[in-house]
Amino acid sequence: MKTVPLKRDASVEQTVEYLLETLCTDLGLCLPADKRKALATQKRITARRLALDVLKAHGVKNPESESHHIRQIKRRFVQLFGDIVVEQ
């Protein structure tokens, strides 16, 4: 699956959707559309919470134990948002 480039004026929701697409493409952490939408439309999103929610939605039984994936997801989140918490 090829990821569509992120637009400059993308909303928080679109940016989270983009992040989730890249996690699927790059890390194999692919989520169904309904779970992606639920994660992308949260009012307050933190890098760590998103990482744990992605791993849980992907079927990881103990997401806290996936420190490598958590770090990767958090790093990508901060690269896109410039902060570890965003609100929409």
Protein backbone atom coordinates (compact mmCIF):
# COMPACT_ATOMS: atom_id res chain seq x y z
CA MET A 1 0.00 0.00 0.00
CA LYS A 2 1.42 3.40 -0.96
CA THR A 3 0.92 6.29 1.45
CA VAL A 4 -0.55 9.49 0.01
CA PRO A 5 1.55 12.55 0.93
CA LEU A 6 0.29 14.72 3.77
CA LYS A 7 -1.12 18.12 2.79
CA ARG A 8 0.38 21.23 4.38
CA ASP A 9 -2.95 22.39 5.78
CA ALA A 10 -4.09 18.97 6.99
CA SER A 11 -6.33 18.81 10.04
CA VAL A 12 -5.36 16.90 13.17
CA GLU A 13 -7.67 14.07 12.08
CA GLN A 14 -6.08 13.89 8.62
CA THR A 15 -2.60 13.96 10.15
CA VAL A 16 -3.42 11.10 12.54
CA GLU A 17 -4.90 9.14 9.62
CA TYR A 18 -1.67 9.75 7.71
CA LEU A 19 0.38 8.58 10.70
CA LEU A 20 -1.72 5.41 10.95
CA GLU A 21 -1.23 4.73 7.22
CA THR A 22 2.53 5.06 7.58
CA LEU A 23 2.52 2.74 10.59
CA CYS A 24 0.77 0.15 8.45
CA THR A 25 3.10 0.60 5.49
CA ASP A 26 6.34 0.85 7.43
CA LEU A 27 5.77 -1.26 10.55
CA GLY A 28 2.94 -3.62 9.57
CA LEU A 29 0.65 -2.18 12.26
CA CYS A 30 -2.45 -2.11 10.07
CA LEU A 31 -5.81 -1.31 11.61
CA PRO A 32 -9.34 -1.61 10.22
CA ALA A 33 -10.98 1.63 9.07
CA ASP A 34 -13.33 1.88 12.08
CA LYS A 35 -10.44 1.67 14.57
CA ARG A 36 -8.37 4.18 12.58
CA LYS A 37 -11.32 6.58 12.56
CA ALA A 38 -11.88 6.19 16.32
CA LEU A 39 -8.22 6.96 17.03
CA ALA A 40 -8.09 9.90 14.59
CA THR A 41 -11.20 11.63 15.97
CA GLN A 42 -10.34 11.69 19.66
CA LYS A 43 -10.57 15.16 21.23
CA ARG A 44 -7.19 14.89 23.00
CA ILE A 45 -4.43 12.69 21.62
CA THR A 46 -1.14 11.98 23.35
CA ALA A 47 1.78 10.26 21.68
CA ARG A 48 2.02 7.50 24.29
CA ARG A 49 -1.73 6.86 24.48
CA LEU A 50 -1.95 6.67 20.70
CA ALA A 51 0.97 4.23 20.61
CA LEU A 52 -0.67 1.97 23.19
CA ASP A 53 -4.07 2.21 21.48
CA VAL A 54 -2.55 1.31 18.10
CA LEU A 55 -0.81 -1.74 19.54
CA LYS A 56 -3.94 -2.82 21.40
CA ALA A 57 -6.10 -2.37 18.29
CA HIS A 58 -3.53 -4.36 16.33
CA GLY A 59 -4.08 -7.26 18.74
CA VAL A 60 -1.03 -7.00 20.98
CA LYS A 61 -1.99 -8.60 24.31
CA ASN A 62 0.39 -6.53 26.45
CA PRO A 63 1.09 -3.29 24.57
CA GLU A 64 3.16 -1.88 27.47
CA SER A 65 5.80 -4.53 26.74
CA GLU A 66 6.34 -3.28 23.18
CA SER A 67 8.76 -0.49 24.11
CA HIS A 68 10.43 -0.48 20.68
CA HIS A 69 7.14 0.08 18.85
CA ILE A 70 6.00 2.61 21.45
CA ARG A 71 9.17 4.66 20.91
CA GLN A 72 8.81 4.49 17.12
CA ILE A 73 5.17 5.60 17.17
CA LYS A 74 5.84 8.39 19.68
CA ARG A 75 8.77 9.67 17.58
CA ARG A 76 6.64 9.77 14.43
CA PHE A 77 3.82 11.50 16.31
CA VAL A 78 6.17 14.24 17.55
CA GLN A 79 7.68 14.62 14.07
CA LEU A 80 4.21 15.35 12.67
CA PHE A 81 2.76 17.42 15.50
CA GLY A 82 5.81 18.91 17.15
CA ASP A 83 4.40 18.04 20.56
CA ILE A 84 3.37 14.96 22.51
CA VAL A 85 -0.23 16.13 23.03
CA VAL A 86 -2.68 17.55 20.49
CA GLU A 87 -6.28 18.65 20.87
CA GLN A 88 -8.91 19.05 18.19
